[in-house]
Amino acid sequence: MKSDTIKGYIFALVATLAFSNVYIFSKAALNEIPLAQFGTLWYAVVAVSCLLIAQFNNKLGQILSLTKRQVNILLILGGLEIATTTLFFLSIHVIPDPAVTSFLGNMFPVMVMLGGIFILHERFGPIEIFGGFLALSGAFLISYSGGKSISTFFIKGTGIVFFNSIFATTATLVVKTQIKKLSPELLNLNRAFWLLIFSGIMFYVMKEQWVFSMHATKNTIAGALLEFLAILTIYYSFKYIEVSRSSIVQSLKGIFVLIASFLVFGKLPLVHQLVGGMITVIGILIMTLAQAGFIKKSFSKNKDR
């Protein structure tokens, strides 16, 4: 692979490892404090981190040279990130096992693949499409609750993850179109700024009390720093590889979240959820290997023999 492609995959892998732990730290914090209170502290830490890294890398000057179109794009991204992130943390709060939330989140790379095909005109073959279908089938199995009516057919929180994936896909595709013109540092700062403003407003509207336990504070700060790192490295991965490839690598976080969730909370998904999670991972791996050309190369070698 070319050096830029390798860089892209490394950034995507770092983002995956960092974001895997975001599930754990945010779940631990949300078990103790309300969402608005959590979000205010969380994004205060993220915003300060983004500001410092942007200043260190001399990217703050870009703000003064933004065009009207770029300002509008940053405003749109701010709205999308508010919707995406609110739904993400709401799903973490509602679904008891963060591993289940993470596996359900594998709907995201499939939606990104579809967006890449229809909007960014990225190419996907039948093998990649089969992998996407497999991933969606696994997500369907995870979300099945055993009920017979529409209201009880899926586990609580499935709809939240679904809409989160839609907003996240839209934001991702917008970022991909702008990543060559707007630096990852500036995009990350823009995201953190709007989320901090929104969290502060919700904190005021819901009349929350500014009271934190030491344990909740540590989990919130640690998780916020990991999210800062995760989002920054995700944006950097977009500079070097296709958005669909980056999102596919990120989808493997379900395995890391599964292990960490068991070690920290002592929880494992139900058997059918675990099977469904593995199916989503297999589907994502098929998409990854097919895009990298390994599966196609293997088929061609077998034909030559």
Protein backbone atom coordinates (compact mmCIF):
# COMPACT_ATOMS: atom_id res chain seq x y z
CA MET A 1 0.00 0.00 0.00
CA LYS A 2 1.05 3.61 -0.52
CA SER A 3 2.42 5.50 2.49
CA ASP A 4 -0.60 7.82 2.62
CA THR A 5 -2.94 4.82 2.67
CA ILE A 6 -0.98 3.28 5.53
CA LYS A 7 -1.21 6.58 7.43
CA GLY A 8 -4.95 6.60 6.89
CA TYR A 9 -5.39 3.11 8.30
CA ILE A 10 -3.14 3.90 11.29
CA PHE A 11 -5.21 6.99 12.12
CA ALA A 12 -8.39 4.93 11.75
CA LEU A 13 -7.01 2.24 14.07
CA VAL A 14 -5.99 4.79 16.73
CA ALA A 15 -9.47 6.31 16.48
CA THR A 16 -11.01 2.86 16.91
CA LEU A 17 -9.04 2.09 20.06
CA ALA A 18 -9.72 5.52 21.56
CA PHE A 19 -13.42 5.49 20.73
CA SER A 20 -13.83 1.98 22.15
CA ASN A 21 -12.95 3.36 25.56
CA VAL A 22 -15.31 6.32 25.12
CA TYR A 23 -18.18 3.81 25.40
CA ILE A 24 -16.83 2.53 28.72
CA PHE A 25 -15.97 5.85 30.39
CA SER A 26 -19.17 7.57 29.26
CA LYS A 27 -21.31 4.64 30.46
CA ALA A 28 -19.58 4.71 33.84
CA ALA A 29 -20.11 8.48 34.16
CA LEU A 30 -23.74 8.41 32.95
CA ASN A 31 -24.52 5.79 35.58
CA GLU A 32 -23.89 8.54 38.15
CA ILE A 33 -24.81 11.91 36.62
CA PRO A 34 -27.55 13.29 34.30
CA LEU A 35 -26.87 13.72 30.58
CA ALA A 36 -26.89 17.56 30.54
CA GLN A 37 -24.52 17.77 33.49
CA PHE A 38 -22.28 15.11 31.95
CA GLY A 39 -22.23 16.84 28.55
CA THR A 40 -21.26 20.24 29.95
CA LEU A 41 -18.15 18.95 31.73
CA TRP A 42 -17.32 16.50 28.93
CA TYR A 43 -17.35 19.11 26.16
CA ALA A 44 -15.65 21.76 28.25
CA VAL A 45 -12.69 19.35 28.42
CA VAL A 46 -12.95 18.50 24.71
CA ALA A 47 -13.22 22.18 23.68
CA VAL A 48 -10.14 23.19 25.71
CA SER A 49 -8.18 20.25 24.25
CA CYS A 50 -9.24 21.20 20.70
CA LEU A 51 -8.30 24.84 21.29
CA LEU A 52 -4.85 23.93 22.60
CA ILE A 53 -4.00 21.52 19.76
CA ALA A 54 -5.28 24.00 17.14
CA GLN A 55 -3.08 26.72 18.65
CA PHE A 56 -0.09 24.37 18.88
CA ASN A 57 -0.45 23.38 15.20
CA ASN A 58 -1.05 26.98 14.09
CA LYS A 59 -4.54 26.22 12.74
CA LEU A 60 -6.50 28.95 14.54
CA GLY A 61 -5.53 31.43 11.84
CA GLN A 62 -7.83 29.57 9.44
CA ILE A 63 -10.81 31.09 11.24
CA LEU A 64 -9.95 34.55 9.90
CA SER A 65 -9.78 33.33 6.30
CA LEU A 66 -13.01 31.33 6.22
CA THR A 67 -15.31 31.99 3.28
CA LYS A 68 -19.05 32.52 3.73
CA ARG A 69 -19.65 29.04 2.29
CA GLN A 70 -17.21 27.46 4.75
CA VAL A 71 -18.88 29.26 7.68
CA ASN A 72 -22.24 27.89 6.55
CA ILE A 73 -20.75 24.39 6.31
CA LEU A 74 -19.37 24.66 9.85
CA LEU A 75 -22.81 25.76 11.08
CA ILE A 76 -24.45 22.79 9.34
CA LEU A 77 -21.84 20.44 10.78
CA GLY A 78 -22.49 21.92 14.23
CA GLY A 79 -26.18 21.06 13.97
CA LEU A 80 -25.46 17.57 12.68
CA GLU A 81 -22.93 16.90 15.45
CA ILE A 82 -25.38 18.05 18.12
CA ALA A 83 -27.97 15.58 16.82
CA THR A 84 -25.43 12.78 16.34
CA THR A 85 -23.69 13.13 19.69
CA THR A 86 -26.87 13.62 21.73
CA LEU A 87 -28.34 10.45 20.26
CA PHE A 88 -25.05 8.59 20.80
CA PHE A 89 -24.84 9.36 24.52
CA LEU A 90 -28.58 8.81 24.90
CA SER A 91 -28.13 5.30 23.45
CA ILE A 92 -25.23 4.69 25.84
CA HIS A 93 -27.49 5.73 28.71
CA VAL A 94 -30.56 3.74 27.60
CA ILE A 95 -28.96 0.44 26.50
CA PRO A 96 -27.55 -1.39 29.56
CA ASP A 97 -24.60 -3.06 27.80
CA PRO A 98 -22.23 -0.72 25.88
CA ALA A 99 -21.06 -3.70 23.79
CA VAL A 100 -24.60 -4.06 22.41
CA THR A 101 -24.65 -0.33 21.61
CA SER A 102 -21.34 -0.65 19.81
CA PHE A 103 -22.39 -3.66 17.75
CA LEU A 104 -25.63 -1.91 16.79
CA GLY A 105 -23.50 1.03 15.71
CA ASN A 106 -22.18 -1.11 12.86
CA MET A 107 -25.18 0.16 10.91
CA PHE A 108 -23.05 3.28 10.47
CA PRO A 109 -20.36 1.90 8.08
CA VAL A 110 -23.08 0.31 5.93
CA MET A 111 -24.84 3.66 5.66
CA VAL A 112 -21.52 5.32 4.89
CA MET A 113 -20.95 2.75 2.16
CA LEU A 114 -24.32 3.60 0.62
CA GLY A 115 -23.56 7.31 0.93
CA GLY A 116 -20.14 6.75 -0.64
CA ILE A 117 -21.79 5.03 -3.61
CA PHE A 118 -24.59 7.50 -4.25
CA ILE A 119 -23.02 10.79 -3.12
CA LEU A 120 -19.22 10.51 -3.29
CA HIS A 121 -19.33 8.05 -6.23
CA GLU A 122 -17.03 5.55 -4.51
CA ARG A 123 -16.96 2.10 -6.10
CA PHE A 124 -18.21 -1.05 -4.40
CA GLY A 125 -18.48 -4.53 -5.84
CA PRO A 126 -20.93 -7.34 -5.08
CA ILE A 127 -18.69 -8.76 -2.35
CA GLU A 128 -18.65 -5.46 -0.45
CA ILE A 129 -22.42 -5.18 -0.82
CA PHE A 130 -22.82 -8.75 0.50
CA GLY A 131 -20.67 -7.81 3.52
CA GLY A 132 -22.89 -4.80 4.13
CA PHE A 133 -26.00 -6.97 3.95
CA LEU A 134 -24.42 -9.37 6.45
CA ALA A 135 -23.61 -6.52 8.82
CA LEU A 136 -27.20 -5.26 8.69
CA SER A 137 -28.50 -8.79 9.31
CA GLY A 138 -26.31 -9.02 12.41
CA ALA A 139 -27.60 -5.64 13.65
CA PHE A 140 -31.17 -6.89 13.15
CA LEU A 141 -30.41 -10.00 15.23
CA ILE A 142 -28.83 -7.92 18.00
CA SER A 143 -31.83 -5.61 18.22
CA TYR A 144 -34.43 -8.42 18.33
CA SER A 145 -36.13 -8.53 21.73
CA GLY A 146 -38.48 -11.49 21.22
CA GLY A 147 -41.67 -9.44 21.19
CA LYS A 148 -44.35 -9.88 18.55
CA SER A 149 -45.73 -6.34 18.28
CA ILE A 150 -43.91 -3.48 16.56
CA SER A 151 -43.35 -1.69 19.86
CA THR A 152 -41.71 -4.72 21.49
CA PHE A 153 -39.96 -6.33 18.51
CA PHE A 154 -36.69 -4.40 18.98
CA ILE A 155 -34.80 -3.73 22.20
CA LYS A 156 -35.11 -0.28 23.73
CA GLY A 157 -32.64 2.12 22.15
CA THR A 158 -32.48 0.54 18.68
CA GLY A 159 -34.27 3.48 17.08
CA ILE A 160 -31.89 5.90 18.80
CA VAL A 161 -28.86 4.11 17.33
CA PHE A 162 -30.51 4.01 13.90
CA PHE A 163 -31.10 7.76 13.78
CA ASN A 164 -27.66 8.35 15.27
CA SER A 165 -26.20 6.40 12.33
CA ILE A 166 -28.14 8.52 9.83
CA PHE A 167 -26.94 11.83 11.30
CA ALA A 168 -23.39 10.49 11.77
CA THR A 169 -23.27 9.34 8.14
CA THR A 170 -24.46 12.74 6.90
CA ALA A 171 -21.88 14.58 9.03
CA THR A 172 -19.13 12.18 7.89
CA LEU A 173 -19.88 12.72 4.20
CA VAL A 174 -19.91 16.51 4.67
CA VAL A 175 -16.57 16.38 6.49
CA LYS A 176 -15.06 14.22 3.75
CA THR A 177 -15.93 16.82 1.11
CA GLN A 178 -14.25 19.59 3.14
CA ILE A 179 -11.26 17.84 4.73
CA LYS A 180 -8.83 19.12 2.10
CA LYS A 181 -9.83 22.75 2.75
CA LEU A 182 -10.58 22.76 6.48
CA SER A 183 -8.04 21.23 8.85
CA PRO A 184 -8.98 18.36 11.20
CA GLU A 185 -8.06 20.63 14.12
CA LEU A 186 -10.54 23.30 13.01
CA LEU A 187 -13.29 20.76 12.31
CA ASN A 188 -12.78 19.18 15.73
CA LEU A 189 -12.83 22.61 17.42
CA ASN A 190 -16.03 23.55 15.59
CA ARG A 191 -17.68 20.31 16.74
CA ALA A 192 -16.60 20.78 20.35
CA PHE A 193 -17.69 24.44 20.40
CA TRP A 194 -21.27 23.75 19.30
CA LEU A 195 -21.61 20.73 21.57
CA LEU A 196 -20.39 22.76 24.55
CA ILE A 197 -22.88 25.54 23.77
CA PHE A 198 -25.72 23.03 23.41
CA SER A 199 -24.77 21.19 26.62
CA GLY A 200 -24.61 24.48 28.51
CA ILE A 201 -28.06 25.49 27.28
CA MET A 202 -29.52 22.10 28.25
CA PHE A 203 -27.82 22.35 31.65
CA TYR A 204 -29.54 25.71 32.23
CA VAL A 205 -32.93 24.68 30.82
CA MET A 206 -33.06 21.49 32.88
CA LYS A 207 -31.87 23.37 36.00
CA GLU A 208 -29.13 20.86 36.77
CA GLN A 209 -26.93 21.16 39.85
CA TRP A 210 -23.17 21.45 39.41
CA VAL A 211 -22.31 18.55 41.70
CA PHE A 212 -19.89 15.78 40.70
CA SER A 213 -18.41 12.88 42.60
CA MET A 214 -14.69 12.35 42.20
CA HIS A 215 -15.34 9.03 40.45
CA ALA A 216 -17.74 10.57 37.91
CA THR A 217 -15.36 13.48 37.31
CA LYS A 218 -12.43 11.17 36.56
CA ASN A 219 -14.49 9.05 34.16
CA THR A 220 -15.88 12.12 32.38
CA ILE A 221 -12.49 13.81 31.92
CA ALA A 222 -10.77 10.59 30.80
CA GLY A 223 -13.55 9.82 28.32
CA ALA A 224 -13.57 13.38 26.99
CA LEU A 225 -9.82 13.29 26.30
CA LEU A 226 -10.23 9.96 24.50
CA GLU A 227 -13.08 11.36 22.40
CA PHE A 228 -10.95 14.37 21.48
CA LEU A 229 -8.22 12.00 20.30
CA ALA A 230 -10.70 9.72 18.51
CA ILE A 231 -12.46 12.46 16.51
CA LEU A 232 -9.18 14.17 15.58
CA THR A 233 -7.66 10.93 14.28
CA ILE A 234 -10.89 10.05 12.44
CA TYR A 235 -10.71 13.37 10.59
CA TYR A 236 -7.04 12.78 9.80
CA SER A 237 -7.85 9.32 8.42
CA PHE A 238 -10.30 10.99 6.00
CA LYS A 239 -7.36 12.91 4.51
CA TYR A 240 -5.60 9.74 3.41
CA ILE A 241 -8.20 7.04 2.76
CA GLU A 242 -11.79 6.82 1.59
CA VAL A 243 -14.37 7.62 4.23
CA SER A 244 -15.94 4.18 3.81
CA ARG A 245 -12.63 2.41 4.52
CA SER A 246 -12.06 4.49 7.64
CA SER A 247 -15.55 3.78 8.95
CA ILE A 248 -15.12 0.07 8.31
CA VAL A 249 -11.96 -0.04 10.46
CA GLN A 250 -13.79 1.89 13.18
CA SER A 251 -16.61 -0.64 13.21
CA LEU A 252 -14.24 -3.22 14.70
CA LYS A 253 -14.45 -1.31 17.98
CA GLY A 254 -17.32 -3.62 18.98
CA ILE A 255 -14.80 -6.35 19.83
CA PHE A 256 -12.76 -4.03 22.06
CA VAL A 257 -15.89 -2.66 23.73
CA LEU A 258 -17.10 -6.22 24.36
CA ILE A 259 -13.89 -7.12 26.20
CA ALA A 260 -13.70 -3.84 28.15
CA SER A 261 -17.39 -3.99 29.09
CA PHE A 262 -16.93 -7.47 30.57
CA LEU A 263 -13.81 -6.44 32.49
CA VAL A 264 -15.30 -3.19 33.86
CA PHE A 265 -19.01 -3.93 34.26
CA GLY A 266 -18.99 -7.73 34.26
CA LYS A 267 -21.57 -7.73 31.47
CA LEU A 268 -21.86 -9.82 28.34
CA PRO A 269 -24.57 -9.57 25.66
CA LEU A 270 -27.23 -12.27 25.40
CA VAL A 271 -26.27 -15.23 23.21
CA HIS A 272 -28.25 -14.06 20.15
CA GLN A 273 -26.84 -10.53 20.59
CA LEU A 274 -23.31 -11.90 20.76
CA VAL A 275 -23.90 -13.98 17.61
CA GLY A 276 -25.40 -10.97 15.88
CA GLY A 277 -22.42 -8.85 16.91
CA MET A 278 -20.01 -11.38 15.47
CA ILE A 279 -22.03 -11.47 12.23
CA THR A 280 -21.76 -7.68 11.93
CA VAL A 281 -17.99 -7.87 12.46
CA ILE A 282 -17.67 -10.63 9.83
CA GLY A 283 -19.72 -8.54 7.42
CA ILE A 284 -17.50 -5.53 8.03
CA LEU A 285 -14.35 -7.64 7.59
CA ILE A 286 -15.67 -8.94 4.25
CA MET A 287 -16.23 -5.35 3.14
CA THR A 288 -12.72 -4.38 4.30
CA LEU A 289 -10.91 -7.28 2.64
CA ALA A 290 -12.87 -6.90 -0.58
CA GLN A 291 -12.09 -3.18 -0.75
CA ALA A 292 -8.42 -3.85 -0.10
CA GLY A 293 -8.46 -6.34 -2.97
CA PHE A 294 -7.51 -9.40 -0.94
CA ILE A 295 -10.69 -11.38 -1.61
CA LYS A 296 -10.69 -10.55 -5.30
CA LYS A 297 -7.02 -11.47 -5.56
CA SER A 298 -7.71 -14.76 -3.82
CA PHE A 299 -10.51 -15.55 -6.26
CA SER A 300 -8.36 -14.71 -9.25
CA LYS A 301 -5.53 -16.95 -8.01
CA ASN A 302 -7.91 -19.87 -7.56
CA LYS A 303 -9.21 -19.39 -11.09
CA ASP A 304 -5.66 -19.42 -12.49
CA ARG A 305 -4.89 -22.79 -10.89
